[in-house]
Amino acid sequence: MSRVTVFTLGGTISARGGDAARMTGREVLTALGAPEDVVLHDFRRVPSSTLTHADLADLAAEVRATVAAGSGAVVVQGTDTLEETAFLLDLLCTTERPIVVTGAMRRPDLPGADGPANLAAALAVATDPACRNLGVLVVLADEIHAARHARKTHTTSVATFASPGAGPLGTVVEGEPRILLRPATPTARWPSTPRSGWPW
């Protein structure tokens, strides 16, 4: 499996310095050194805290269509609500193909920006057959977490995402995903993407 589609939503990984303006999805992929054959969906350009239920329902529908067409998927967004997006996609996107959510803790113009490494690791996971049947995954700081367990634990650390009580499913070592654990049971899933009547 090698096909992968990237959905960009904005967030720190797309920030233009201290300016509120966001880079386009293509600018983000170019700046992060993504391969040219990656399919891009420039989905939104907003801070993740402003994503709405409607935004996420639309995202889930597009991700479902993409993986049904035979592609892995990477969602790139801000980290403030990354764990919520990942968990919702895990509920709504029933597929054996890898769906990966990633982002960055440091802007592209800051020393030690983590966006390029996070995107590279996410792409490696999304295109690796060994990462199938794991549900939606959160990949940052070379760690692979199940969406159902992933939590943001710090407001500034690049190693902020963890899986309390469970630990990561694996790691990315020099660009190669290594799965160490597989969940014994799948995440409970809703049968379809709700457009109205959200359960919260």
N, C-alpha and C. Protein backbone atom coordinates (compact mmCIF):
# COMPACT_ATOMS: atom_id res chain seq x y z
N MET A 1 0.85 -1.18 0.00
CA MET A 1 0.00 0.00 0.00
C MET A 1 0.89 1.24 0.00
N SER A 2 0.64 2.16 -0.94
CA SER A 2 1.46 3.37 -0.98
C SER A 2 0.65 4.64 -1.12
N ARG A 3 -0.61 4.55 -1.57
CA ARG A 3 -1.40 5.75 -1.75
C ARG A 3 -1.75 6.39 -0.40
N VAL A 4 -1.67 7.71 -0.36
CA VAL A 4 -2.04 8.41 0.87
C VAL A 4 -2.63 9.76 0.50
N THR A 5 -3.67 10.15 1.21
CA THR A 5 -4.31 11.44 1.04
C THR A 5 -4.15 12.23 2.32
N VAL A 6 -3.75 13.50 2.20
CA VAL A 6 -3.53 14.36 3.36
C VAL A 6 -4.62 15.42 3.40
N PHE A 7 -5.27 15.53 4.55
CA PHE A 7 -6.28 16.56 4.80
C PHE A 7 -5.66 17.60 5.73
N THR A 8 -5.53 18.83 5.26
CA THR A 8 -4.98 19.88 6.11
C THR A 8 -6.11 20.75 6.65
N LEU A 9 -6.04 21.03 7.96
CA LEU A 9 -7.11 21.80 8.62
C LEU A 9 -6.60 23.10 9.25
N GLY A 10 -5.29 23.33 9.23
CA GLY A 10 -4.74 24.53 9.87
C GLY A 10 -3.96 24.15 11.11
N GLY A 11 -3.95 25.06 12.10
CA GLY A 11 -3.24 24.80 13.34
C GLY A 11 -1.82 25.34 13.32
N THR A 12 -1.08 25.08 14.39
CA THR A 12 0.28 25.58 14.55
C THR A 12 1.18 25.16 13.40
N ILE A 13 0.97 23.98 12.87
CA ILE A 13 1.83 23.47 11.80
C ILE A 13 1.74 24.32 10.55
N SER A 14 0.68 25.13 10.42
CA SER A 14 0.48 25.97 9.23
C SER A 14 0.63 27.45 9.53
N ALA A 15 1.07 27.80 10.74
CA ALA A 15 1.14 29.21 11.15
C ALA A 15 2.26 29.94 10.42
N ARG A 16 1.97 31.18 10.02
CA ARG A 16 2.99 32.04 9.41
C ARG A 16 3.59 32.92 10.50
N GLY A 17 4.57 32.44 11.19
CA GLY A 17 5.15 33.22 12.26
C GLY A 17 4.11 33.58 13.29
N GLY A 18 4.13 34.81 13.75
CA GLY A 18 3.14 35.25 14.73
C GLY A 18 1.85 35.74 14.10
N ASP A 19 1.78 35.72 12.77
CA ASP A 19 0.59 36.20 12.06
C ASP A 19 -0.53 35.18 12.19
N ALA A 20 -1.76 35.68 12.22
CA ALA A 20 -2.91 34.79 12.32
C ALA A 20 -3.18 34.06 11.02
N ALA A 21 -2.60 34.55 9.90
CA ALA A 21 -2.84 33.91 8.60
C ALA A 21 -2.25 32.50 8.59
N ARG A 22 -2.91 31.61 7.86
CA ARG A 22 -2.46 30.23 7.77
C ARG A 22 -1.95 29.93 6.37
N MET A 23 -0.94 29.09 6.30
CA MET A 23 -0.46 28.63 4.99
C MET A 23 -1.51 27.74 4.35
N THR A 24 -1.52 27.70 3.04
CA THR A 24 -2.40 26.76 2.34
C THR A 24 -1.90 25.34 2.58
N GLY A 25 -2.75 24.39 2.28
CA GLY A 25 -2.34 23.00 2.43
C GLY A 25 -1.12 22.67 1.59
N ARG A 26 -1.08 23.17 0.36
CA ARG A 26 0.08 22.91 -0.51
C ARG A 26 1.34 23.53 0.07
N GLU A 27 1.23 24.76 0.61
CA GLU A 27 2.39 25.40 1.24
C GLU A 27 2.88 24.60 2.43
N VAL A 28 1.95 24.06 3.21
CA VAL A 28 2.32 23.24 4.37
C VAL A 28 3.08 22.00 3.91
N LEU A 29 2.55 21.29 2.92
CA LEU A 29 3.21 20.06 2.47
C LEU A 29 4.57 20.36 1.86
N THR A 30 4.67 21.46 1.11
CA THR A 30 5.95 21.84 0.52
C THR A 30 6.97 22.19 1.60
N ALA A 31 6.52 22.98 2.59
CA ALA A 31 7.42 23.38 3.68
C ALA A 31 7.88 22.20 4.50
N LEU A 32 7.03 21.18 4.62
CA LEU A 32 7.37 20.02 5.43
C LEU A 32 8.07 18.93 4.64
N GLY A 33 8.26 19.16 3.34
CA GLY A 33 8.99 18.19 2.53
C GLY A 33 8.21 16.94 2.20
N ALA A 34 6.88 17.04 2.07
CA ALA A 34 6.08 15.86 1.74
C ALA A 34 6.33 15.44 0.30
N PRO A 35 6.24 14.15 -0.01
CA PRO A 35 6.41 13.69 -1.39
C PRO A 35 5.40 14.34 -2.32
N GLU A 36 5.79 14.55 -3.58
CA GLU A 36 4.93 15.23 -4.54
C GLU A 36 3.70 14.41 -4.92
N ASP A 37 3.75 13.09 -4.75
CA ASP A 37 2.62 12.26 -5.17
C ASP A 37 1.53 12.14 -4.11
N VAL A 38 1.69 12.85 -2.99
CA VAL A 38 0.65 12.86 -1.96
C VAL A 38 -0.57 13.62 -2.49
N VAL A 39 -1.75 13.04 -2.32
CA VAL A 39 -2.99 13.72 -2.70
C VAL A 39 -3.38 14.67 -1.57
N LEU A 40 -3.70 15.91 -1.92
CA LEU A 40 -3.98 16.93 -0.92
C LEU A 40 -5.44 17.34 -0.94
N HIS A 41 -6.05 17.44 0.26
CA HIS A 41 -7.35 18.08 0.45
C HIS A 41 -7.12 19.25 1.40
N ASP A 42 -7.11 20.47 0.88
CA ASP A 42 -6.95 21.67 1.70
C ASP A 42 -8.30 21.94 2.35
N PHE A 43 -8.58 21.24 3.44
CA PHE A 43 -9.94 21.14 3.99
C PHE A 43 -10.37 22.39 4.75
N ARG A 44 -9.55 22.86 5.68
CA ARG A 44 -9.82 24.07 6.44
C ARG A 44 -8.49 24.77 6.74
N ARG A 45 -8.57 26.05 7.15
CA ARG A 45 -7.36 26.77 7.58
C ARG A 45 -7.73 27.55 8.83
N VAL A 46 -7.90 26.84 9.94
CA VAL A 46 -8.39 27.45 11.17
C VAL A 46 -7.66 26.85 12.38
N PRO A 47 -7.65 27.58 13.51
CA PRO A 47 -7.19 26.96 14.75
C PRO A 47 -8.12 25.80 15.10
N SER A 48 -7.57 24.75 15.68
CA SER A 48 -8.40 23.57 15.93
C SER A 48 -9.51 23.82 16.94
N SER A 49 -9.33 24.84 17.78
CA SER A 49 -10.37 25.14 18.77
C SER A 49 -11.63 25.71 18.13
N THR A 50 -11.55 26.13 16.87
CA THR A 50 -12.72 26.69 16.19
C THR A 50 -13.42 25.68 15.28
N LEU A 51 -12.91 24.46 15.19
CA LEU A 51 -13.58 23.44 14.39
C LEU A 51 -14.95 23.13 14.99
N THR A 52 -15.95 23.02 14.14
CA THR A 52 -17.32 22.77 14.60
C THR A 52 -17.70 21.31 14.39
N HIS A 53 -18.82 20.92 14.97
CA HIS A 53 -19.34 19.57 14.73
C HIS A 53 -19.58 19.34 13.25
N ALA A 54 -20.08 20.37 12.56
CA ALA A 54 -20.33 20.24 11.12
C ALA A 54 -19.03 20.04 10.35
N ASP A 55 -17.97 20.77 10.75
CA ASP A 55 -16.66 20.58 10.12
C ASP A 55 -16.21 19.13 10.25
N LEU A 56 -16.35 18.58 11.45
CA LEU A 56 -15.85 17.24 11.70
C LEU A 56 -16.71 16.17 11.03
N ALA A 57 -18.01 16.43 10.93
CA ALA A 57 -18.87 15.50 10.20
C ALA A 57 -18.49 15.47 8.73
N ASP A 58 -18.22 16.65 8.16
CA ASP A 58 -17.80 16.72 6.76
C ASP A 58 -16.44 16.05 6.58
N LEU A 59 -15.53 16.28 7.52
CA LEU A 59 -14.21 15.64 7.44
C LEU A 59 -14.34 14.13 7.47
N ALA A 60 -15.14 13.62 8.41
CA ALA A 60 -15.32 12.17 8.51
C ALA A 60 -15.88 11.59 7.22
N ALA A 61 -16.83 12.28 6.61
CA ALA A 61 -17.41 11.80 5.36
C ALA A 61 -16.35 11.73 4.25
N GLU A 62 -15.50 12.76 4.17
CA GLU A 62 -14.47 12.77 3.14
C GLU A 62 -13.40 11.72 3.41
N VAL A 63 -13.04 11.53 4.66
CA VAL A 63 -12.05 10.51 5.00
C VAL A 63 -12.60 9.12 4.68
N ARG A 64 -13.85 8.89 5.01
CA ARG A 64 -14.47 7.59 4.71
C ARG A 64 -14.46 7.31 3.21
N ALA A 65 -14.78 8.31 2.40
CA ALA A 65 -14.78 8.14 0.95
C ALA A 65 -13.37 7.86 0.43
N THR A 66 -12.41 8.54 1.03
CA THR A 66 -11.02 8.38 0.60
C THR A 66 -10.50 6.98 0.87
N VAL A 67 -10.72 6.48 2.08
CA VAL A 67 -10.21 5.14 2.39
C VAL A 67 -11.00 4.07 1.65
N ALA A 68 -12.28 4.33 1.37
CA ALA A 68 -13.07 3.38 0.58
C ALA A 68 -12.53 3.26 -0.84
N ALA A 69 -11.91 4.34 -1.32
CA ALA A 69 -11.32 4.34 -2.66
C ALA A 69 -9.92 3.72 -2.68
N GLY A 70 -9.45 3.27 -1.52
CA GLY A 70 -8.19 2.55 -1.47
C GLY A 70 -6.98 3.33 -1.02
N SER A 71 -7.19 4.47 -0.36
CA SER A 71 -6.08 5.30 0.08
C SER A 71 -5.98 5.32 1.59
N GLY A 72 -4.75 5.37 2.11
CA GLY A 72 -4.56 5.71 3.50
C GLY A 72 -4.84 7.20 3.68
N ALA A 73 -5.01 7.66 4.92
CA ALA A 73 -5.35 9.07 5.14
C ALA A 73 -4.55 9.63 6.30
N VAL A 74 -4.11 10.90 6.13
CA VAL A 74 -3.45 11.64 7.20
C VAL A 74 -4.22 12.95 7.38
N VAL A 75 -4.61 13.24 8.61
CA VAL A 75 -5.29 14.49 8.95
C VAL A 75 -4.30 15.34 9.73
N VAL A 76 -4.06 16.57 9.25
CA VAL A 76 -3.10 17.48 9.88
C VAL A 76 -3.87 18.66 10.44
N GLN A 77 -3.79 18.86 11.76
CA GLN A 77 -4.56 19.93 12.39
C GLN A 77 -3.85 20.43 13.64
N GLY A 78 -4.43 21.46 14.27
CA GLY A 78 -3.90 21.96 15.53
C GLY A 78 -4.07 20.93 16.64
N THR A 79 -3.22 21.02 17.66
CA THR A 79 -3.22 20.00 18.70
C THR A 79 -4.24 20.24 19.81
N ASP A 80 -4.83 21.44 19.88
CA ASP A 80 -5.76 21.72 20.98
C ASP A 80 -6.93 20.74 21.00
N THR A 81 -7.43 20.36 19.85
CA THR A 81 -8.55 19.41 19.79
C THR A 81 -8.18 18.17 18.97
N LEU A 82 -6.89 17.90 18.83
CA LEU A 82 -6.46 16.76 18.00
C LEU A 82 -6.99 15.45 18.54
N GLU A 83 -6.94 15.26 19.85
CA GLU A 83 -7.41 13.99 20.41
C GLU A 83 -8.90 13.79 20.19
N GLU A 84 -9.67 14.89 20.24
CA GLU A 84 -11.12 14.78 20.01
C GLU A 84 -11.43 14.43 18.56
N THR A 85 -10.71 15.07 17.63
CA THR A 85 -10.90 14.74 16.21
C THR A 85 -10.55 13.28 15.95
N ALA A 86 -9.43 12.83 16.50
CA ALA A 86 -9.00 11.45 16.27
C ALA A 86 -10.02 10.45 16.81
N PHE A 87 -10.53 10.72 18.01
CA PHE A 87 -11.49 9.79 18.60
C PHE A 87 -12.80 9.77 17.80
N LEU A 88 -13.25 10.95 17.36
CA LEU A 88 -14.47 10.99 16.56
C LEU A 88 -14.30 10.24 15.24
N LEU A 89 -13.15 10.43 14.58
CA LEU A 89 -12.90 9.69 13.34
C LEU A 89 -12.86 8.19 13.60
N ASP A 90 -12.35 7.80 14.76
CA ASP A 90 -12.30 6.38 15.11
C ASP A 90 -13.71 5.80 15.22
N LEU A 91 -14.64 6.61 15.72
CA LEU A 91 -16.03 6.17 15.84
C LEU A 91 -16.73 6.11 14.49
N LEU A 92 -16.40 7.07 13.60
CA LEU A 92 -17.16 7.24 12.38
C LEU A 92 -16.56 6.58 11.15
N CYS A 93 -15.29 6.25 11.17
CA CYS A 93 -14.61 5.74 9.98
C CYS A 93 -14.21 4.28 10.17
N THR A 94 -15.08 3.39 9.77
CA THR A 94 -14.82 1.96 9.91
C THR A 94 -14.04 1.48 8.69
N THR A 95 -12.79 1.16 8.89
CA THR A 95 -11.93 0.72 7.79
C THR A 95 -10.73 -0.01 8.36
N GLU A 96 -10.16 -0.89 7.57
CA GLU A 96 -8.93 -1.53 7.99
C GLU A 96 -7.71 -0.70 7.59
N ARG A 97 -7.91 0.29 6.72
CA ARG A 97 -6.78 1.12 6.26
C ARG A 97 -6.36 2.11 7.34
N PRO A 98 -5.08 2.45 7.37
CA PRO A 98 -4.62 3.40 8.39
C PRO A 98 -5.17 4.81 8.17
N ILE A 99 -5.69 5.39 9.23
CA ILE A 99 -6.06 6.80 9.28
C ILE A 99 -5.25 7.41 10.41
N VAL A 100 -4.46 8.43 10.10
CA VAL A 100 -3.51 8.99 11.06
C VAL A 100 -3.81 10.47 11.27
N VAL A 101 -3.81 10.92 12.51
CA VAL A 101 -3.98 12.33 12.83
C VAL A 101 -2.67 12.84 13.44
N THR A 102 -2.21 13.99 12.94
CA THR A 102 -0.96 14.55 13.44
C THR A 102 -1.02 16.07 13.42
N GLY A 103 0.01 16.71 13.94
CA GLY A 103 0.08 18.17 13.99
C GLY A 103 1.46 18.58 14.44
N ALA A 104 1.56 19.73 15.07
CA ALA A 104 2.85 20.22 15.55
C ALA A 104 2.66 21.07 16.79
N MET A 105 3.64 21.05 17.64
CA MET A 105 3.63 21.88 18.84
C MET A 105 4.40 23.18 18.65
N ARG A 106 5.29 23.21 17.65
CA ARG A 106 6.09 24.42 17.40
C ARG A 106 5.85 24.91 15.98
N ARG A 107 5.73 26.24 15.84
CA ARG A 107 5.53 26.84 14.53
C ARG A 107 6.71 26.52 13.61
N PRO A 108 6.47 26.58 12.29
CA PRO A 108 7.55 26.26 11.35
C PRO A 108 8.76 27.18 11.45
N ASP A 109 8.58 28.40 11.96
CA ASP A 109 9.69 29.36 12.02
C ASP A 109 10.48 29.29 13.32
N LEU A 110 10.12 28.40 14.23
CA LEU A 110 10.81 28.30 15.52
C LEU A 110 11.90 27.23 15.48
N PRO A 111 12.98 27.40 16.28
CA PRO A 111 14.01 26.36 16.35
C PRO A 111 13.40 25.04 16.82
N GLY A 112 13.82 23.97 16.19
CA GLY A 112 13.33 22.65 16.59
C GLY A 112 11.89 22.39 16.21
N ALA A 113 11.40 23.04 15.16
CA ALA A 113 10.03 22.81 14.71
C ALA A 113 9.80 21.31 14.48
N ASP A 114 8.70 20.79 15.03
CA ASP A 114 8.46 19.36 14.98
C ASP A 114 7.54 18.93 13.84
N GLY A 115 6.98 19.89 13.11
CA GLY A 115 6.04 19.55 12.04
C GLY A 115 6.59 18.62 10.98
N PRO A 116 7.79 18.89 10.41
CA PRO A 116 8.30 18.00 9.36
C PRO A 116 8.45 16.55 9.81
N ALA A 117 9.00 16.35 11.01
CA ALA A 117 9.19 14.98 11.49
C ALA A 117 7.85 14.31 11.76
N ASN A 118 6.90 15.06 12.31
CA ASN A 118 5.59 14.48 12.61
C ASN A 118 4.86 14.07 11.32
N LEU A 119 4.90 14.94 10.30
CA LEU A 119 4.24 14.59 9.05
C LEU A 119 4.92 13.39 8.39
N ALA A 120 6.26 13.37 8.39
CA ALA A 120 6.97 12.24 7.80
C ALA A 120 6.60 10.93 8.50
N ALA A 121 6.52 10.96 9.82
CA ALA A 121 6.15 9.75 10.57
C ALA A 121 4.72 9.35 10.28
N ALA A 122 3.82 10.34 10.21
CA ALA A 122 2.42 10.04 9.91
C ALA A 122 2.26 9.42 8.53
N LEU A 123 2.97 9.95 7.54
CA LEU A 123 2.92 9.38 6.19
C LEU A 123 3.46 7.96 6.17
N ALA A 124 4.53 7.71 6.92
CA ALA A 124 5.09 6.36 6.98
C ALA A 124 4.08 5.37 7.56
N VAL A 125 3.38 5.79 8.60
CA VAL A 125 2.37 4.92 9.22
C VAL A 125 1.19 4.70 8.28
N ALA A 126 0.74 5.77 7.62
CA ALA A 126 -0.44 5.67 6.76
C ALA A 126 -0.21 4.81 5.52
N THR A 127 1.04 4.60 5.15
CA THR A 127 1.34 3.81 3.95
C THR A 127 1.91 2.43 4.27
N ASP A 128 1.94 2.07 5.53
CA ASP A 128 2.53 0.79 5.92
C ASP A 128 1.44 -0.26 6.14
N PRO A 129 1.46 -1.36 5.39
CA PRO A 129 0.45 -2.41 5.57
C PRO A 129 0.41 -2.97 6.99
N ALA A 130 1.52 -2.92 7.71
CA ALA A 130 1.56 -3.44 9.08
C ALA A 130 0.72 -2.60 10.03
N CYS A 131 0.33 -1.39 9.59
CA CYS A 131 -0.45 -0.50 10.45
C CYS A 131 -1.95 -0.57 10.16
N ARG A 132 -2.37 -1.57 9.41
CA ARG A 132 -3.80 -1.76 9.15
C ARG A 132 -4.48 -2.36 10.37
N ASN A 133 -5.80 -2.19 10.41
CA ASN A 133 -6.63 -2.81 11.46
C ASN A 133 -6.25 -2.36 12.87
N LEU A 134 -5.81 -1.12 13.00
CA LEU A 134 -5.48 -0.57 14.31
C LEU A 134 -6.43 0.55 14.72
N GLY A 135 -7.41 0.84 13.89
CA GLY A 135 -8.26 1.99 14.15
C GLY A 135 -7.54 3.27 13.79
N VAL A 136 -8.11 4.39 14.17
CA VAL A 136 -7.47 5.68 13.90
C VAL A 136 -6.30 5.85 14.86
N LEU A 137 -5.21 6.43 14.34
CA LEU A 137 -3.98 6.55 15.11
C LEU A 137 -3.57 8.01 15.25
N VAL A 138 -2.93 8.33 16.36
CA VAL A 138 -2.34 9.65 16.60
C VAL A 138 -0.83 9.45 16.56
N VAL A 139 -0.15 10.19 15.68
CA VAL A 139 1.29 10.02 15.52
C VAL A 139 1.99 11.37 15.69
N LEU A 140 2.74 11.51 16.76
CA LEU A 140 3.58 12.68 17.02
C LEU A 140 4.80 12.21 17.80
N ALA A 141 5.91 12.93 17.65
CA ALA A 141 7.14 12.63 18.38
C ALA A 141 7.57 11.17 18.21
N ASP A 142 7.34 10.63 16.99
CA ASP A 142 7.73 9.26 16.65
C ASP A 142 7.03 8.19 17.48
N GLU A 143 5.90 8.53 18.09
CA GLU A 143 5.10 7.54 18.81
C GLU A 143 3.75 7.36 18.11
N ILE A 144 3.26 6.13 18.14
CA ILE A 144 2.00 5.77 17.51
C ILE A 144 1.00 5.42 18.61
N HIS A 145 -0.06 6.22 18.72
CA HIS A 145 -1.06 6.03 19.77
C HIS A 145 -2.42 5.67 19.17
N ALA A 146 -3.16 4.83 19.86
CA ALA A 146 -4.55 4.57 19.48
C ALA A 146 -5.38 5.78 19.84
N ALA A 147 -6.27 6.19 18.94
CA ALA A 147 -7.08 7.39 19.18
C ALA A 147 -7.88 7.28 20.47
N ARG A 148 -8.32 6.09 20.81
CA ARG A 148 -9.16 5.93 22.00
C ARG A 148 -8.41 6.23 23.29
N HIS A 149 -7.08 6.16 23.26
CA HIS A 149 -6.28 6.38 24.47
C HIS A 149 -5.50 7.69 24.46
N ALA A 150 -5.29 8.28 23.29
CA ALA A 150 -4.38 9.42 23.18
C ALA A 150 -4.89 10.65 23.93
N ARG A 151 -3.98 11.30 24.63
CA ARG A 151 -4.31 12.51 25.39
C ARG A 151 -3.18 13.53 25.24
N LYS A 152 -3.55 14.80 25.16
CA LYS A 152 -2.55 15.87 25.19
C LYS A 152 -2.28 16.18 26.66
N THR A 153 -1.03 16.04 27.07
CA THR A 153 -0.71 16.12 28.49
C THR A 153 0.07 17.37 28.88
N HIS A 154 0.48 18.20 27.90
CA HIS A 154 1.28 19.38 28.19
C HIS A 154 0.99 20.43 27.13
N THR A 155 1.05 21.70 27.51
CA THR A 155 0.68 22.76 26.57
C THR A 155 1.80 23.16 25.62
N THR A 156 3.05 22.80 25.91
CA THR A 156 4.14 23.23 25.03
C THR A 156 5.12 22.12 24.63
N SER A 157 5.19 21.03 25.36
CA SER A 157 6.17 19.98 25.07
C SER A 157 5.88 19.29 23.74
N VAL A 158 6.93 19.02 22.96
CA VAL A 158 6.74 18.31 21.69
C VAL A 158 6.39 16.84 21.94
N ALA A 159 6.62 16.36 23.16
CA ALA A 159 6.27 14.98 23.53
C ALA A 159 4.99 14.96 24.35
N THR A 160 4.07 15.84 24.03
CA THR A 160 2.87 16.01 24.85
C THR A 160 1.88 14.86 24.77
N PHE A 161 1.80 14.17 23.61
CA PHE A 161 0.77 13.13 23.48
C PHE A 161 1.22 11.82 24.11
N ALA A 162 0.31 11.27 24.91
CA ALA A 162 0.57 10.03 25.61
C ALA A 162 -0.72 9.22 25.66
N SER A 163 -0.61 7.98 26.09
CA SER A 163 -1.78 7.11 26.26
C SER A 163 -1.79 6.60 27.70
N PRO A 164 -2.28 7.42 28.63
CA PRO A 164 -2.27 7.03 30.04
C PRO A 164 -2.98 5.70 30.27
N GLY A 165 -2.34 4.84 31.02
CA GLY A 165 -2.94 3.54 31.33
C GLY A 165 -2.80 2.51 30.24
N ALA A 166 -2.27 2.89 29.08
CA ALA A 166 -2.16 1.95 27.97
C ALA A 166 -0.78 1.98 27.33
N GLY A 167 -0.26 3.18 27.08
CA GLY A 167 1.02 3.31 26.38
C GLY A 167 0.83 3.30 24.88
N PRO A 168 1.86 3.70 24.13
CA PRO A 168 1.75 3.73 22.67
C PRO A 168 1.67 2.33 22.09
N LEU A 169 1.07 2.25 20.89
CA LEU A 169 1.01 0.97 20.18
C LEU A 169 2.34 0.65 19.52
N GLY A 170 3.12 1.68 19.25
CA GLY A 170 4.40 1.46 18.60
C GLY A 170 5.16 2.75 18.43
N THR A 171 6.23 2.68 17.65
CA THR A 171 7.09 3.84 17.41
C THR A 171 7.47 3.88 15.93
N VAL A 172 7.99 5.02 15.52
CA VAL A 172 8.56 5.16 14.17
C VAL A 172 10.05 5.34 14.35
N VAL A 173 10.82 4.38 13.85
CA VAL A 173 12.27 4.38 14.03
C VAL A 173 12.93 4.59 12.68
N GLU A 174 13.59 5.74 12.50
CA GLU A 174 14.26 6.09 11.25
C GLU A 174 13.32 5.89 10.06
N GLY A 175 12.09 6.36 10.23
CA GLY A 175 11.12 6.32 9.14
C GLY A 175 10.36 5.02 8.99
N GLU A 176 10.63 4.06 9.85
CA GLU A 176 9.97 2.74 9.75
C GLU A 176 9.06 2.52 10.95
N PRO A 177 7.75 2.37 10.72
CA PRO A 177 6.84 2.08 11.83
C PRO A 177 7.10 0.69 12.41
N ARG A 178 7.07 0.63 13.73
CA ARG A 178 7.22 -0.65 14.42
C ARG A 178 6.08 -0.78 15.41
N ILE A 179 5.15 -1.68 15.10
CA ILE A 179 3.99 -1.91 15.95
C ILE A 179 4.35 -2.93 17.02
N LEU A 180 4.18 -2.54 18.27
CA LEU A 180 4.55 -3.39 19.39
C LEU A 180 3.33 -4.04 20.04
N LEU A 181 2.18 -3.37 19.98
CA LEU A 181 0.96 -3.86 20.62
C LEU A 181 -0.21 -3.70 19.67
N ARG A 182 -1.16 -4.62 19.73
CA ARG A 182 -2.40 -4.50 18.96
C ARG A 182 -3.58 -4.59 19.91
N PRO A 183 -4.54 -3.65 19.80
CA PRO A 183 -5.71 -3.69 20.69
C PRO A 183 -6.45 -5.02 20.57
N ALA A 184 -6.88 -5.54 21.70
CA ALA A 184 -7.59 -6.82 21.70
C ALA A 184 -9.00 -6.69 21.15
N THR A 185 -9.61 -5.52 21.33
CA THR A 185 -10.97 -5.31 20.84
C THR A 185 -11.04 -4.01 20.05
N PRO A 186 -11.88 -3.95 19.02
CA PRO A 186 -12.00 -2.73 18.23
C PRO A 186 -12.78 -1.66 18.98
N THR A 187 -12.60 -0.41 18.57
CA THR A 187 -13.37 0.68 19.13
C THR A 187 -14.82 0.56 18.68
N ALA A 188 -15.78 0.84 19.60
CA ALA A 188 -17.19 0.87 19.21
C ALA A 188 -17.38 1.97 18.17
N ARG A 189 -18.21 1.71 17.15
CA ARG A 189 -18.37 2.67 16.07
C ARG A 189 -19.84 2.95 15.82
N TRP A 190 -20.11 4.19 15.42
CA TRP A 190 -21.44 4.54 14.96
C TRP A 190 -21.61 4.04 13.55
N PRO A 191 -22.82 3.66 13.15
CA PRO A 191 -23.02 3.07 11.83
C PRO A 191 -22.90 4.05 10.69
N SER A 192 -23.08 5.36 10.90
CA SER A 192 -23.01 6.33 9.82
C SER A 192 -22.65 7.69 10.39
N THR A 193 -22.26 8.59 9.50
CA THR A 193 -21.88 9.94 9.92
C THR A 193 -23.11 10.76 10.19
N PRO A 194 -23.34 11.23 11.42
CA PRO A 194 -24.53 12.03 11.70
C PRO A 194 -24.41 13.42 11.15
N ARG A 195 -25.46 13.92 10.55
CA ARG A 195 -25.50 15.30 10.05
C ARG A 195 -26.29 16.19 10.98
N SER A 196 -27.14 15.60 11.78
CA SER A 196 -27.90 16.35 12.76
C SER A 196 -28.16 15.44 13.94
N GLY A 197 -28.62 16.01 15.04
CA GLY A 197 -28.91 15.20 16.20
C GLY A 197 -27.68 14.58 16.83
N TRP A 198 -26.58 15.36 16.90
CA TRP A 198 -25.38 14.85 17.54
C TRP A 198 -25.70 14.42 18.97
N PRO A 199 -25.07 13.38 19.46
CA PRO A 199 -25.42 12.81 20.76
C PRO A 199 -24.83 13.56 21.95
N TRP A 200 -24.38 14.77 21.77
CA TRP A 200 -23.91 15.55 22.91
C TRP A 200 -24.39 16.97 22.79
